Protein backbone atom coordinates (compact mmCIF):
# COMPACT_ATOMS: atom_id res chain seq x y z
CA MET A 1 90.25 79.19 107.38
CA GLN A 2 92.47 81.39 105.16
CA VAL A 3 91.06 80.02 101.91
CA HIS A 4 87.50 80.51 103.18
CA ALA A 5 88.21 84.14 104.20
CA LEU A 6 89.75 84.85 100.78
CA GLN A 7 86.72 83.34 99.03
CA ILE A 8 84.38 85.49 101.12
CA ALA A 9 86.50 88.54 100.20
CA GLY A 10 85.69 87.81 96.56
CA CYS A 11 89.01 86.49 95.31
CA GLU A 12 88.63 85.16 91.78
CA ARG A 13 91.71 82.98 91.81
CA LEU A 14 93.56 81.43 94.75
CA PHE A 15 97.27 80.57 94.81
CA VAL A 16 98.05 78.11 97.60
CA GLU A 17 101.63 77.09 98.36
CA LYS A 18 102.16 73.40 99.04
CA ALA A 19 105.54 73.85 100.76
CA SER A 20 106.41 75.96 103.78
CA GLY A 21 106.15 79.69 103.18
CA ALA A 22 109.56 80.12 104.81
CA GLN A 23 111.18 78.57 101.74
CA ARG A 24 112.80 80.87 99.22
CA ASP A 25 111.27 79.12 96.24
CA ARG A 26 107.56 79.88 96.34
CA PRO A 27 106.22 78.95 92.89
CA GLU A 28 102.59 79.88 93.59
CA MET A 29 103.63 83.32 94.88
CA LYS A 30 105.80 83.86 91.81
CA THR A 31 102.91 82.88 89.55
CA ALA A 32 100.45 85.19 91.34
CA LEU A 33 102.85 88.14 91.14
CA LYS A 34 103.61 87.41 87.49
CA LEU A 35 99.95 87.09 86.42
CA ALA A 36 98.72 90.19 88.26
CA GLN A 37 97.98 93.12 85.97
CA ALA A 38 97.35 96.83 86.41
CA GLY A 39 94.03 97.35 88.17
CA ASP A 40 94.21 94.00 89.99
CA ALA A 41 94.68 93.62 93.72
CA ILE A 42 96.54 90.83 95.42
CA ILE A 43 94.66 89.88 98.56
CA VAL A 44 96.33 87.98 101.37
CA TRP A 45 95.11 86.68 104.70
CA ARG A 46 98.04 88.34 106.49
CA LEU A 47 100.99 90.35 105.21
CA ASP A 48 103.38 87.60 106.31
CA ARG A 49 101.78 85.40 103.63
CA ILE A 50 103.33 87.55 100.90
CA ALA A 51 106.71 88.27 102.51
CA ARG A 52 108.77 86.98 105.42
CA SER A 53 110.57 90.23 106.21
CA LEU A 54 109.55 93.85 106.16
CA SER A 55 112.20 94.71 103.59
CA GLN A 56 110.88 91.95 101.31
CA LEU A 57 107.33 93.18 101.85
CA ILE A 58 108.27 96.76 100.96
CA ALA A 59 110.13 95.61 97.84
CA THR A 60 107.10 93.54 96.79
CA PHE A 61 104.77 96.48 97.43
CA ASP A 62 107.01 98.83 95.43
CA ASP A 63 106.97 96.39 92.50
CA LEU A 64 103.19 96.00 92.67
CA ASP A 65 102.63 99.75 93.05
CA ARG A 66 104.87 100.50 90.06
CA ARG A 67 102.77 98.04 88.02
CA GLY A 68 99.46 99.55 89.21
CA ILE A 69 98.53 96.54 91.34
CA GLY A 70 97.01 96.92 94.79
CA LEU A 71 97.77 94.88 97.90
CA ARG A 72 95.16 94.05 100.54
CA SER A 73 95.59 92.22 103.82
CA LEU A 74 92.40 90.92 105.40
CA THR A 75 93.84 90.56 108.91
CA GLU A 76 95.81 93.81 109.19
CA ALA A 77 93.17 95.81 107.28
CA VAL A 78 95.79 97.28 104.93
CA ASP A 79 94.51 98.19 101.48
CA THR A 80 96.96 99.98 99.20
CA THR A 81 94.23 100.57 96.63
CA THR A 82 93.12 103.48 98.85
CA SER A 83 95.03 106.63 99.79
CA GLY A 84 94.72 105.83 103.50
CA GLY A 85 95.98 102.29 102.95
CA LYS A 86 99.02 103.57 101.07
CA LEU A 87 99.72 106.01 103.91
CA VAL A 88 99.58 103.22 106.51
CA PHE A 89 101.84 101.06 104.39
CA HIS A 90 104.39 103.87 103.97
CA ILE A 91 104.34 104.48 107.72
CA PHE A 92 105.21 100.77 108.18
CA GLY A 93 108.06 101.26 105.71
CA ALA A 94 109.37 104.35 107.51
CA LEU A 95 109.30 102.50 110.84
CA ALA A 96 111.18 99.58 109.28
CA GLU A 97 113.83 101.93 107.87
CA PHE A 98 114.21 103.56 111.29
CA GLU A 99 114.61 100.14 112.92
CA ARG A 100 117.29 99.14 110.36
CA SER A 101 119.17 102.39 111.09
CA ILE A 102 119.15 101.75 114.82
CA ILE A 103 120.38 98.18 114.31
CA ARG A 104 123.21 99.42 112.07
CA GLU A 105 124.22 102.03 114.66
CA ARG A 106 124.24 99.46 117.48
CA THR A 107 126.20 96.98 115.37
CA LEU A 108 128.81 99.59 114.49
CA ALA A 109 129.10 100.69 118.13
CA GLY A 110 129.55 97.05 119.19
CA LEU A 111 132.30 96.49 116.59
CA ILE A 112 134.12 99.65 117.68
CA ALA A 113 133.88 98.61 121.34
CA ALA A 114 135.15 95.09 120.57
CA ARG A 115 138.12 96.47 118.63
CA ALA A 116 138.90 98.91 121.46
CA ARG A 117 139.14 95.89 123.80
CA GLY A 118 141.57 94.23 121.39
CA GLY A 119 139.07 91.91 119.71
CA LEU A 120 138.12 91.70 116.08
CA GLY A 121 134.38 91.94 116.44
CA GLY A 122 131.96 90.61 113.90
CA ARG A 123 130.83 87.11 113.14
CA PRO A 124 133.43 84.39 113.75
CA LYS A 125 134.65 82.58 110.66
CA LEU A 126 133.08 79.15 110.39
CA LEU A 127 135.20 77.95 107.47
CA SER A 128 138.91 78.29 106.84
CA SER A 129 140.30 78.91 103.35
CA THR A 130 141.23 75.20 103.29
CA ASP A 131 137.64 74.23 104.14
CA LEU A 132 136.38 76.45 101.32
CA GLU A 133 138.80 74.90 98.85
CA VAL A 134 137.65 71.40 99.90
CA ALA A 135 134.02 72.49 99.52
CA ARG A 136 134.69 73.93 96.10
CA VAL A 137 136.36 70.72 94.90
CA LEU A 138 133.56 68.54 96.30
CA LEU A 139 130.86 70.71 94.75
CA ARG A 140 132.67 70.87 91.42
CA GLY A 141 132.60 67.06 91.34
CA GLY A 142 128.82 67.31 91.05
CA THR A 143 128.03 64.16 93.04
CA LEU A 144 127.34 65.83 96.40
CA THR A 145 124.73 68.45 97.26
CA VAL A 146 125.58 71.64 99.11
CA SER A 147 123.91 70.20 102.24
CA GLU A 148 126.03 67.03 102.03
CA VAL A 149 129.25 69.01 101.63
CA ALA A 150 128.24 71.27 104.53
CA ALA A 151 127.57 68.24 106.74
CA ARG A 152 131.04 66.86 105.96
CA LEU A 153 132.53 70.20 107.02
CA GLY A 154 130.42 70.33 110.19
CA VAL A 155 128.40 73.42 109.24
CA THR A 156 124.99 74.18 107.76
CA ALA A 157 124.58 75.09 104.09
CA SER A 158 124.33 78.83 104.88
CA PRO A 159 128.10 79.49 105.22
CA LEU A 160 128.75 77.70 101.94
CA TYR A 161 126.18 79.85 100.18
CA ARG A 162 127.65 82.95 101.84
CA TYR A 163 131.25 82.23 100.84
CA LEU A 164 130.53 80.34 97.61
CA PRO A 165 127.53 82.14 96.11
CA ALA A 166 127.87 80.15 92.90
CA ALA A 167 126.98 77.04 94.94
CA ARG A 168 123.35 78.08 94.30
CA SER A 169 123.98 77.44 90.62
CA THR A 170 122.85 74.23 89.01
CA ASN A 171 126.08 74.17 87.01
CA PRO A 172 128.87 72.75 89.24
CA ARG A 173 131.59 74.30 87.04
CA GLN A 174 130.44 77.76 88.09
CA VAL A 175 131.34 77.00 91.70
CA ASN A 176 134.95 77.52 90.69
CA ASP A 177 134.22 80.94 89.22
CA ALA A 178 132.79 82.83 92.19
CA ILE A 179 134.27 82.52 95.66
CA LEU A 180 134.19 85.04 98.45
CA VAL A 181 137.10 84.83 100.84
CA PRO A 182 135.94 84.87 104.48
């Protein structure tokens, strides 16, 4: 249905992801963004096809706009190649910024209230410093993936990536170089 709608809209070239769009690595999206030139327009079925969060969408739009590339959504009828479309898009951006501000204020108020009651507030630590050292050693060995190390520690891969950002590296020696203490 999406491909058909894009063809009817006159798209000259289609970039179709084979994997889930929720994945970080989206090679077709990267290729489309890289190949687009000033005067082109990237057309999507829905805005969530180009970005999974509003902040990511705004960053993508800013990059495209800076390069003179338009963005059109068939479903939401947003077209940044027109003045009205840019206005609508910037209104979305302003609303997103307002929402982020409110969330920050509520989070800060919650942390202050938790501390006033004698608590620490914030996200509980999932990994101790010992767990992180074990993870670092296992990852440095290069025989286990981040997911396998996380499973051994009883967590998902997310905390390892949060506390050991170098775990995203393909070079296991770099895991020793960058560690964030929880």
